[in-house]
Protein backbone atom coordinates (compact mmCIF):
# COMPACT_ATOMS: atom_id res chain seq x y z
CA MET A 1 27.51 9.86 70.64
CA THR A 2 27.66 8.22 67.19
CA GLU A 3 24.58 8.09 65.03
CA LYS A 4 22.97 4.73 64.12
CA GLU A 5 21.98 3.83 60.93
CA VAL A 6 18.93 1.23 60.18
CA ASP A 7 16.72 0.72 57.07
CA LEU A 8 13.74 1.19 59.42
CA PHE A 9 12.79 2.62 62.70
CA VAL A 10 9.37 2.46 63.92
CA ILE A 11 7.93 4.75 66.28
CA GLY A 12 5.06 2.63 68.53
CA ALA A 13 5.24 -1.08 69.42
CA GLY A 14 1.37 -1.60 68.75
CA SER A 15 -0.47 -3.77 66.53
CA ALA A 16 0.68 -1.55 63.33
CA GLY A 17 4.11 -1.13 64.08
CA VAL A 18 5.05 -4.55 65.57
CA ARG A 19 3.56 -6.60 62.69
CA ALA A 20 5.65 -3.96 60.29
CA ALA A 21 9.05 -4.18 62.18
CA ARG A 22 8.74 -7.73 62.10
CA MET A 23 7.90 -8.59 58.76
CA SER A 24 10.38 -6.03 57.31
CA ALA A 25 13.12 -7.93 59.46
CA SER A 26 11.98 -11.01 57.87
CA PHE A 27 13.04 -9.49 54.50
CA GLY A 28 16.48 -8.47 55.73
CA ALA A 29 15.89 -5.05 56.44
CA LYS A 30 17.69 -3.99 59.74
CA VAL A 31 14.98 -2.35 62.32
CA ALA A 32 14.72 -0.64 65.32
CA ILE A 33 11.69 0.18 67.41
CA ALA A 34 10.76 2.45 70.11
CA GLU A 35 7.63 2.05 72.53
CA GLU A 36 7.32 4.70 75.63
CA PHE A 37 4.78 3.01 77.14
CA ARG A 38 4.52 -1.03 77.04
CA ILE A 39 4.95 -3.47 74.25
CA GLY A 40 1.80 -4.24 72.36
CA GLY A 41 0.01 -0.73 72.07
CA THR A 42 -3.48 -0.27 72.99
CA CYS A 43 -5.16 -3.48 71.77
CA VAL A 44 -3.22 -5.35 73.92
CA ILE A 45 -2.33 -3.57 76.94
CA ARG A 46 -5.48 -1.40 77.58
CA GLY A 47 -7.98 -2.03 74.59
CA CYS A 48 -9.65 -4.72 72.86
CA VAL A 49 -7.94 -7.66 74.76
CA PRO A 50 -8.77 -6.42 78.48
CA LYS A 51 -11.72 -5.54 77.37
CA LYS A 52 -12.93 -8.65 75.92
CA LEU A 53 -11.86 -10.68 78.94
CA MET A 54 -13.77 -8.12 81.16
CA VAL A 55 -17.00 -8.94 78.60
CA TYR A 56 -16.38 -12.91 79.19
CA ALA A 57 -16.26 -11.98 82.89
CA SER A 58 -19.53 -9.86 82.74
CA ALA A 59 -21.52 -12.49 81.04
CA TYR A 60 -21.60 -14.96 84.01
CA GLY A 61 -23.77 -12.75 86.05
CA THR A 62 -26.59 -13.08 83.76
CA GLY A 63 -25.64 -16.70 82.65
CA PHE A 64 -26.02 -18.01 86.13
CA ILE A 65 -29.33 -16.58 86.46
CA GLU A 66 -30.70 -17.75 83.11
CA ALA A 67 -29.05 -21.84 84.00
CA GLU A 68 -31.99 -21.28 86.65
CA GLY A 69 -34.50 -21.96 83.61
CA TYR A 70 -32.65 -25.04 82.39
CA GLY A 71 -32.68 -26.80 86.09
CA TRP A 72 -29.39 -25.36 87.70
CA SER A 73 -29.34 -23.54 90.83
CA ALA A 74 -27.55 -20.21 91.12
CA GLU A 75 -27.28 -20.12 94.92
CA ASN A 76 -24.42 -17.96 96.25
CA ILE A 77 -22.98 -16.40 93.53
CA ARG A 78 -20.31 -13.70 94.63
CA PHE A 79 -17.90 -11.78 92.29
CA ASP A 80 -14.52 -10.53 93.45
CA TRP A 81 -13.16 -7.61 91.40
CA SER A 82 -9.84 -7.91 92.43
CA LYS A 83 -9.45 -11.73 91.50
CA LEU A 84 -10.45 -10.41 87.65
CA ILE A 85 -7.95 -7.71 87.67
CA ALA A 86 -5.02 -9.68 88.91
CA ALA A 87 -6.01 -12.56 86.49
CA LYS A 88 -6.49 -10.19 83.74
CA ASP A 89 -2.92 -8.59 84.38
CA THR A 90 -1.49 -12.00 84.60
CA GLU A 91 -2.71 -12.58 80.67
CA ILE A 92 -1.61 -9.01 79.70
CA ASP A 93 1.89 -9.60 80.52
CA ARG A 94 1.91 -12.95 78.80
CA LEU A 95 0.57 -11.08 75.49
CA SER A 96 2.99 -8.43 76.02
CA GLY A 97 6.31 -10.79 76.75
CA ILE A 98 5.24 -12.70 73.66
CA TYR A 99 5.25 -9.49 71.58
CA LEU A 100 8.35 -8.49 72.67
CA ARG A 101 10.03 -12.13 72.29
CA ASN A 102 8.66 -11.95 68.65
CA MET A 103 10.24 -8.93 67.66
CA GLY A 104 13.50 -10.18 69.05
CA ASN A 105 13.72 -13.59 67.49
CA ALA A 106 13.02 -11.61 64.12
CA GLY A 107 16.23 -9.50 64.94
CA VAL A 108 14.19 -6.49 65.81
CA GLU A 109 16.18 -4.05 68.10
CA VAL A 110 13.63 -2.79 70.69
CA PHE A 111 13.74 0.06 72.86
CA GLU A 112 11.62 0.72 75.78
CA GLU A 113 11.53 4.59 75.78
CA ARG A 114 9.98 7.59 73.71
CA ALA A 115 11.01 8.64 70.34
CA GLU A 116 10.80 12.14 68.56
CA LEU A 117 11.29 12.98 65.03
CA LEU A 118 14.63 15.23 64.16
CA GLY A 119 14.12 16.00 60.76
CA ASP A 120 16.33 14.88 57.76
CA GLY A 121 15.41 10.99 58.17
CA LYS A 122 16.64 11.14 61.79
CA VAL A 123 14.76 10.05 65.28
CA VAL A 124 16.16 10.39 68.48
CA LEU A 125 15.31 8.51 71.80
CA THR A 126 14.60 10.72 74.26
CA ASP A 127 15.75 8.99 77.59
CA SER A 128 19.07 7.82 76.39
CA GLY A 129 19.81 10.66 73.39
CA GLN A 130 20.67 8.08 70.97
CA VAL A 131 19.98 9.21 67.41
CA PHE A 132 19.15 7.24 64.59
CA ARG A 133 19.41 7.70 61.00
CA ALA A 134 16.57 5.66 59.25
CA LYS A 135 16.13 5.30 55.52
CA LYS A 136 12.64 5.12 56.24
CA ILE A 137 10.62 6.21 59.58
CA LEU A 138 7.26 4.56 59.85
CA ILE A 139 4.77 6.46 63.08
CA ALA A 140 2.65 3.89 64.57
CA THR A 141 1.40 5.67 68.04
CA GLY A 142 -2.22 4.81 67.57
CA GLY A 143 -4.70 7.07 69.59
CA THR A 144 -5.31 8.43 72.85
CA PRO A 145 -8.73 9.48 74.82
CA ARG A 146 -10.11 12.86 73.61
CA LYS A 147 -9.89 15.45 76.29
CA LEU A 148 -13.11 18.09 76.37
CA GLY A 149 -11.61 20.66 79.05
CA PHE A 150 -14.84 20.85 81.12
CA ALA A 151 -14.28 21.59 85.08
CA GLY A 152 -13.14 18.85 87.35
CA GLU A 153 -12.38 16.49 84.51
CA GLU A 154 -8.92 15.58 85.87
CA LEU A 155 -11.37 13.52 88.38
CA THR A 156 -12.51 11.45 85.34
CA ILE A 157 -10.84 8.07 83.84
CA SER A 158 -10.72 6.80 80.48
CA SER A 159 -10.19 3.52 78.95
CA ASN A 160 -6.49 3.55 79.80
CA GLU A 161 -7.34 3.41 83.72
CA ILE A 162 -10.60 1.50 83.68
CA PHE A 163 -8.59 -1.85 83.69
CA HIS A 164 -6.63 -0.58 87.10
CA LEU A 165 -9.20 0.62 89.18
CA PRO A 166 -8.67 -1.13 92.41
CA LYS A 167 -12.03 -1.78 93.20
CA MET A 168 -15.27 -2.12 91.32
CA PRO A 169 -17.65 1.09 91.50
CA LYS A 170 -20.90 0.33 92.72
CA LYS A 171 -22.19 3.64 90.57
CA ILE A 172 -20.45 4.39 87.16
CA LEU A 173 -21.10 7.42 85.14
CA ILE A 174 -19.69 6.50 81.18
CA ALA A 175 -20.01 9.42 78.75
CA GLY A 176 -20.17 8.81 75.16
CA GLY A 177 -22.30 6.82 72.31
CA GLY A 178 -19.61 5.15 70.77
CA TYR A 179 -18.95 1.24 70.89
CA ILE A 180 -16.05 1.93 73.68
CA ALA A 181 -19.06 3.58 75.99
CA CYS A 182 -21.63 1.29 75.30
CA GLU A 183 -19.31 -1.80 75.67
CA PHE A 184 -18.25 -0.66 79.27
CA ALA A 185 -21.95 0.44 80.20
CA SER A 186 -22.92 -3.30 79.11
CA ILE A 187 -19.84 -4.65 80.85
CA PHE A 188 -20.47 -3.00 84.68
CA ALA A 189 -24.03 -3.61 84.51
CA GLY A 190 -23.16 -7.26 83.83
CA LEU A 191 -20.89 -7.12 86.85
CA GLY A 192 -23.63 -5.91 89.19
CA ALA A 193 -22.98 -2.19 88.85
CA GLU A 194 -25.46 0.49 88.20
CA ALA A 195 -24.08 2.18 85.16
CA ILE A 196 -25.43 5.47 83.57
CA LEU A 197 -24.65 5.91 80.00
CA VAL A 198 -24.56 9.73 78.77
CA TYR A 199 -24.91 10.58 75.37
CA ARG A 200 -25.22 13.65 73.56
CA ARG A 201 -27.33 12.78 70.64
CA ASP A 202 -30.52 10.86 70.56
CA THR A 203 -29.30 7.01 69.70
CA VAL A 204 -25.92 5.14 70.42
CA LEU A 205 -23.46 4.05 68.09
CA ARG A 206 -23.53 6.61 65.53
CA GLY A 207 -22.17 5.56 61.97
CA PHE A 208 -23.52 1.83 62.04
CA ASP A 209 -26.88 1.10 60.75
CA GLU A 210 -29.91 2.63 62.00
CA ASP A 211 -31.72 -0.99 62.84
CA LEU A 212 -28.65 -2.26 64.80
CA ARG A 213 -28.29 1.31 66.60
CA THR A 214 -31.68 1.25 67.70
CA HIS A 215 -31.45 -2.43 68.81
CA ILE A 216 -28.49 -2.18 71.10
CA HIS A 217 -30.28 1.30 72.51
CA THR A 218 -33.21 -0.63 73.42
CA GLU A 219 -30.83 -3.52 74.66
CA LEU A 220 -28.67 -1.55 76.54
CA ILE A 221 -32.01 -0.47 78.60
CA ASN A 222 -33.16 -3.45 78.79
CA GLN A 223 -30.08 -4.69 80.78
CA GLY A 224 -30.33 -2.04 83.23
CA VAL A 225 -27.92 0.59 81.75
CA ARG A 226 -29.62 3.94 82.51
CA VAL A 227 -29.26 5.96 79.17
CA ILE A 228 -29.38 9.97 79.73
CA THR A 229 -29.71 11.42 76.05
CA HIS A 230 -29.43 14.91 74.68
CA ALA A 231 -27.08 15.68 77.55
CA SER A 232 -23.28 16.20 78.30
CA ILE A 233 -21.06 16.84 81.03
CA LYS A 234 -20.63 20.42 82.59
CA GLU A 235 -18.72 19.89 85.58
CA VAL A 236 -17.38 17.31 87.91
CA ALA A 237 -16.64 18.05 91.69
CA LYS A 238 -15.06 15.79 94.38
CA ASN A 239 -17.99 15.24 97.16
CA ALA A 240 -16.24 12.65 99.85
CA GLU A 241 -15.97 9.40 98.58
CA GLN A 242 -17.87 10.38 95.48
CA LEU A 243 -17.81 12.49 92.33
CA THR A 244 -20.55 14.87 91.82
CA VAL A 245 -21.57 15.28 88.23
CA GLN A 246 -23.36 18.43 86.68
CA LEU A 247 -25.14 17.46 83.22
CA ASP A 248 -25.83 20.54 80.89
CA ASN A 249 -29.37 19.89 81.40
CA GLY A 250 -29.28 20.88 84.78
CA GLN A 251 -29.41 17.32 86.15
CA PRO A 252 -26.95 16.38 88.66
CA LEU A 253 -25.65 12.86 89.64
CA VAL A 254 -23.59 11.66 92.24
CA VAL A 255 -21.25 8.57 91.41
CA ASP A 256 -18.29 6.53 92.17
CA GLU A 257 -16.36 6.76 88.78
CA VAL A 258 -16.72 8.86 85.83
CA MET A 259 -15.31 7.28 82.47
CA MET A 260 -14.92 9.68 79.28
CA ALA A 261 -15.61 7.56 76.60
CA ILE A 262 -16.24 10.17 73.69
CA GLY A 263 -13.71 9.40 71.28
CA ARG A 264 -10.07 9.00 70.66
CA VAL A 265 -7.55 11.06 68.85
CA PRO A 266 -4.18 10.66 66.96
CA ALA A 267 -0.99 10.26 69.77
CA VAL A 268 1.07 13.00 67.75
CA ALA A 269 1.68 15.27 70.53
CA GLY A 270 5.33 15.82 71.07
CA LEU A 271 6.17 13.71 68.60
CA GLY A 272 8.11 16.31 66.40
CA LEU A 273 5.68 16.14 63.09
CA GLN A 274 6.03 20.03 62.72
CA LYS A 275 10.14 19.76 62.89
CA ALA A 276 9.84 17.20 60.47
CA GLY A 277 7.33 18.87 57.95
CA VAL A 278 4.85 16.06 58.21
CA LYS A 279 1.18 17.18 57.59
CA THR A 280 -1.68 16.87 59.52
CA THR A 281 -5.68 17.24 59.20
CA ALA A 282 -7.16 19.92 61.74
CA GLY A 283 -8.07 16.80 63.65
CA GLU A 284 -4.34 15.79 63.80
CA ALA A 285 -4.34 12.60 61.79
CA ILE A 286 -1.65 12.02 59.71
CA ILE A 287 -2.19 12.47 56.23
CA VAL A 288 -1.11 9.41 53.86
CA ASP A 289 -1.70 7.77 50.75
CA GLU A 290 -2.92 4.36 50.14
CA PHE A 291 0.61 2.93 51.17
CA GLY A 292 0.90 4.99 54.33
CA GLN A 293 3.45 7.57 52.53
CA THR A 294 3.05 11.00 54.33
CA ASN A 295 4.15 14.15 52.40
CA VAL A 296 7.59 13.46 53.30
CA PRO A 297 9.43 11.06 51.43
CA GLY A 298 10.56 7.94 53.57
CA VAL A 299 8.10 8.63 56.27
CA PHE A 300 5.24 6.52 56.40
CA ALA A 301 2.19 6.31 59.20
CA LEU A 302 -0.03 3.62 59.72
CA GLY A 303 -2.86 2.34 61.92
CA ASP A 304 -5.03 4.72 64.45
CA VAL A 305 -2.42 7.56 64.04
CA THR A 306 -4.00 8.05 60.64
CA ASP A 307 -7.73 8.06 61.81
CA ARG A 308 -8.84 6.01 58.74
CA ILE A 309 -10.49 2.76 60.46
CA ASN A 310 -9.39 2.46 63.79
CA LEU A 311 -9.28 -1.32 64.25
CA THR A 312 -6.64 -3.50 65.34
CA PRO A 313 -6.79 -6.07 62.36
CA VAL A 314 -6.82 -3.06 60.07
CA ALA A 315 -3.62 -1.89 61.67
CA ILE A 316 -2.21 -5.06 61.37
CA ARG A 317 -2.81 -5.63 57.48
CA GLU A 318 -1.73 -1.90 56.73
CA GLY A 319 1.63 -3.10 58.73
CA ALA A 320 1.94 -6.30 56.48
CA ALA A 321 1.18 -4.39 53.35
CA PHE A 322 4.15 -1.94 53.93
CA ALA A 323 6.59 -4.36 55.03
CA ASP A 324 5.61 -6.11 51.57
CA SER A 325 5.53 -2.89 49.78
CA GLU A 326 8.73 -1.35 51.11
CA PHE A 327 11.02 -4.23 51.82
CA GLY A 328 9.30 -7.58 50.48
CA ASN A 329 9.33 -6.36 46.74
CA ARG A 330 5.74 -6.64 46.26
CA ARG A 331 4.11 -3.43 46.03
CA HIS A 332 0.10 -3.15 47.54
CA ALA A 333 -2.35 -1.48 49.84
CA PHE A 334 -4.85 -2.63 52.18
CA ASP A 335 -8.00 -2.55 50.75
CA HIS A 336 -10.00 -0.40 53.44
CA LYS A 337 -13.50 -1.37 51.83
CA ASP A 338 -16.06 -3.89 53.60
CA VAL A 339 -14.40 -4.16 57.01
CA ALA A 340 -16.06 -6.02 59.54
CA SER A 341 -16.48 -4.82 63.15
CA ALA A 342 -18.31 -5.82 66.34
CA VAL A 343 -19.39 -4.00 69.28
CA PHE A 344 -19.08 -6.45 72.52
CA THR A 345 -22.51 -5.20 74.44
CA GLN A 346 -24.91 -8.13 75.78
CA PRO A 347 -26.25 -9.18 73.41
CA PRO A 348 -23.42 -8.06 71.19
CA ALA A 349 -23.40 -6.88 67.47
CA GLY A 350 -21.69 -7.39 64.15
CA SER A 351 -21.66 -4.97 60.88
CA VAL A 352 -19.92 -5.31 57.85
CA GLY A 353 -20.43 -3.37 54.56
CA LEU A 354 -22.95 -0.19 53.68
CA SER A 355 -25.86 0.47 56.27
CA GLU A 356 -29.33 1.06 54.74
CA THR A 357 -28.53 5.02 54.59
CA GLU A 358 -25.16 4.73 52.87
CA ALA A 359 -26.64 2.38 50.44
CA ARG A 360 -29.37 4.58 49.52
CA ALA A 361 -27.29 7.18 49.28
CA GLU A 362 -24.83 4.87 46.98
CA TYR A 363 -26.93 2.92 45.00
CA GLY A 364 -30.73 4.66 45.13
CA GLU A 365 -32.82 1.56 44.90
CA ILE A 366 -31.82 -1.60 47.33
CA ASP A 367 -33.73 -4.05 48.95
CA ILE A 368 -34.03 -4.48 52.81
CA TYR A 369 -34.22 -8.21 54.38
CA LYS A 370 -34.60 -7.80 58.36
CA ASP A 371 -36.10 -9.94 61.09
CA ALA A 372 -36.10 -9.47 64.93
CA PHE A 373 -36.81 -12.28 67.15
CA ARG A 374 -36.27 -14.01 70.37
CA PRO A 375 -33.73 -16.67 70.51
CA MET A 376 -34.52 -20.14 71.43
CA ARG A 377 -31.95 -19.95 74.29
CA HIS A 378 -34.26 -17.44 75.99
CA THR A 379 -37.74 -19.66 75.73
CA MET A 380 -36.43 -21.49 78.76
CA SER A 381 -34.47 -18.60 80.35
CA GLY A 382 -36.68 -16.26 81.18
CA ARG A 383 -34.67 -13.32 79.90
CA ASN A 384 -36.60 -10.85 77.38
CA GLU A 385 -33.45 -10.65 74.95
CA ARG A 386 -33.89 -10.30 71.63
CA TYR A 387 -31.64 -10.55 68.15
CA MET A 388 -31.88 -9.01 65.17
CA MET A 389 -30.76 -9.86 61.46
CA LYS A 390 -30.33 -7.50 58.64
CA LEU A 391 -29.33 -7.69 54.69
CA VAL A 392 -29.07 -4.81 52.61
CA VAL A 393 -29.13 -5.53 48.75
CA ARG A 394 -28.54 -3.60 46.07
CA ALA A 395 -31.55 -3.84 43.71
CA ALA A 396 -29.82 -3.45 40.33
CA ASP A 397 -27.80 -6.91 40.69
CA GLN A 398 -28.93 -8.29 43.88
CA VAL A 399 -25.53 -8.15 45.55
CA VAL A 400 -25.48 -8.32 49.31
CA VAL A 401 -23.62 -4.86 50.11
CA GLY A 402 -24.46 -4.91 54.07
CA VAL A 403 -24.97 -7.13 56.74
CA HIS A 404 -25.94 -5.97 60.27
CA LEU A 405 -26.47 -8.26 63.34
CA VAL A 406 -27.35 -8.49 67.05
CA SER A 407 -27.06 -11.69 68.88
CA ASP A 408 -24.87 -13.75 71.17
CA ALA A 409 -22.92 -14.88 68.02
CA ALA A 410 -22.69 -11.95 66.26
CA PRO A 411 -18.90 -11.44 66.14
CA GLU A 412 -18.51 -14.73 65.11
CA ILE A 413 -21.06 -14.55 62.55
CA ILE A 414 -20.39 -11.35 61.47
CA GLN A 415 -16.49 -12.70 60.16
CA VAL A 416 -17.73 -15.14 57.93
CA ALA A 417 -20.41 -12.94 56.46
CA ALA A 418 -17.64 -10.57 55.54
CA ILE A 419 -16.31 -13.05 53.35
CA ALA A 420 -19.53 -13.25 51.45
CA VAL A 421 -19.89 -9.30 51.23
CA LYS A 422 -16.08 -9.20 50.10
CA ALA A 423 -16.97 -11.55 47.48
CA GLY A 424 -20.01 -9.98 46.07
CA LEU A 425 -22.42 -12.81 46.42
CA THR A 426 -25.79 -12.19 45.45
CA LYS A 427 -29.21 -12.75 47.89
CA GLN A 428 -29.83 -15.85 45.45
CA GLN A 429 -26.57 -17.48 46.59
CA TRP A 430 -27.33 -16.79 50.11
CA ASP A 431 -30.87 -18.08 49.78
CA GLU A 432 -29.58 -21.53 47.85
CA THR A 433 -27.28 -22.17 50.99
CA CYS A 434 -29.05 -24.56 53.27
CA ALA A 435 -29.60 -23.60 56.90
CA VAL A 436 -27.94 -25.10 60.04
CA HIS A 437 -30.72 -25.77 62.31
CA PRO A 438 -31.68 -24.75 64.93
CA THR A 439 -29.53 -21.57 65.24
CA ALA A 440 -29.83 -17.69 65.01
CA ALA A 441 -27.44 -17.40 62.02
CA GLU A 442 -30.04 -19.46 59.86
CA GLU A 443 -32.33 -16.53 59.62
CA LEU A 444 -29.63 -15.18 57.34
CA VAL A 445 -30.57 -17.51 54.77
CA LEU A 446 -34.07 -18.04 55.07
CA MET A 447 -35.29 -14.25 54.87
CA ARG A 448 -37.41 -14.14 51.91
CA GLU A 449 -39.92 -10.95 52.75
CA LYS A 450 -38.57 -7.73 51.55
CA PHE A 451 -39.17 -5.10 54.55
CA GLN A 452 -41.60 -2.87 53.29
CA PRO A 453 -41.68 0.64 55.37
CA PRO A 454 -45.05 1.86 56.60
CA VAL A 455 -47.04 4.50 54.73
CA MET A 456 -46.87 7.11 56.44
CA GLU A 457 -49.53 10.07 56.47
CA ASP A 458 -48.93 13.43 58.69
CA GLY A 459 -46.23 11.52 60.36
CA GLU A 460 -47.85 8.38 61.67
CA ALA A 461 -48.10 5.09 60.27
CA VAL A 462 -51.26 4.22 58.20
CA SER A 463 -49.99 0.92 56.98
């Protein structure tokens, strides 16, 4: 079979790969892309998009109940899992089709099969055997759920399978304490299931600001999620129609499903990295510079496979910067500093910039402004849900270096707050901004008193 020659061959049609392929083709490059699963990658097919649709669905249950406080009747409320899954599948099919059409319209040649590196600038399609010689190769294969290897792990599911369950579990155990685990615990609790979150540490959302972590941890419990800390799964066994889970603390649990959400690892198995000489970290993340260049000339990697900031918008921006730099005559790298993120629990959280701990480590002297309160919405709904707002300020020049929120609108607010943090606005400039009333967000421009941590004596607060 004759080798085909292209300017760029992309392995992986997710957020980074699709953006890089389309933009590179728009600059006149001859581009081919291969995807062994479905066009769209983790985000569109089995990640943030279907998850967010389920977040919306889960919020209606409590919403109907809260509405009674405002005069509405919440009788005869029913939820149909199969209807939700069917509607979700239709939307995902639509989005995947748009990705495919857009690449075709851009002139990208798309192959829906696996591709592997052969070395020396060559890639092979494993189904057809077609070999490509590419001037540049981009690896954008994303990540895959982490495995632990305990007995019965094959009986569990991950975020790959959770969107395709034939029926909703009445009782589900979710292992992990990161944003994926917290979000799905909140989703299933909202849909009316008994949700159990098992986490090996003491507080969920490691890596986020401590106050945000504590607040979300508490709100998960208030939502009805049973949180078991300092524990991990030791074994899972089939028990008739259910699963028996043995924790390493000796506690047995019987559930309908076990979802593993203990992190993700770069999807590099079988890619031929060793054959091509591409170096990886001990965790198998492909090592790249700020431009996505690996140690092998002409071979690049972007997105979750590099395990830097594993977020869809980051992958998209990395893909755009790659296309600009390699084919658009505008060399630049994406700035990974001050990237905002959200956690879609109930209530959701938003974060940008440095946590309090990170800011103290980097700058020493910092000022903290924070508040927690019951929002106006719940004064009549009867719900005890509370919001949290926090600003981390560098003391030397009063620049706001971190914003951390928990509220129904936190993901929307944090997008705008990220502009202010990226621009380096000072606390005074925030304070000089007039509030929008009545809103929860107005608290961000109204907090005036610095938080003073209590004085501790013998481990107890005395003031």
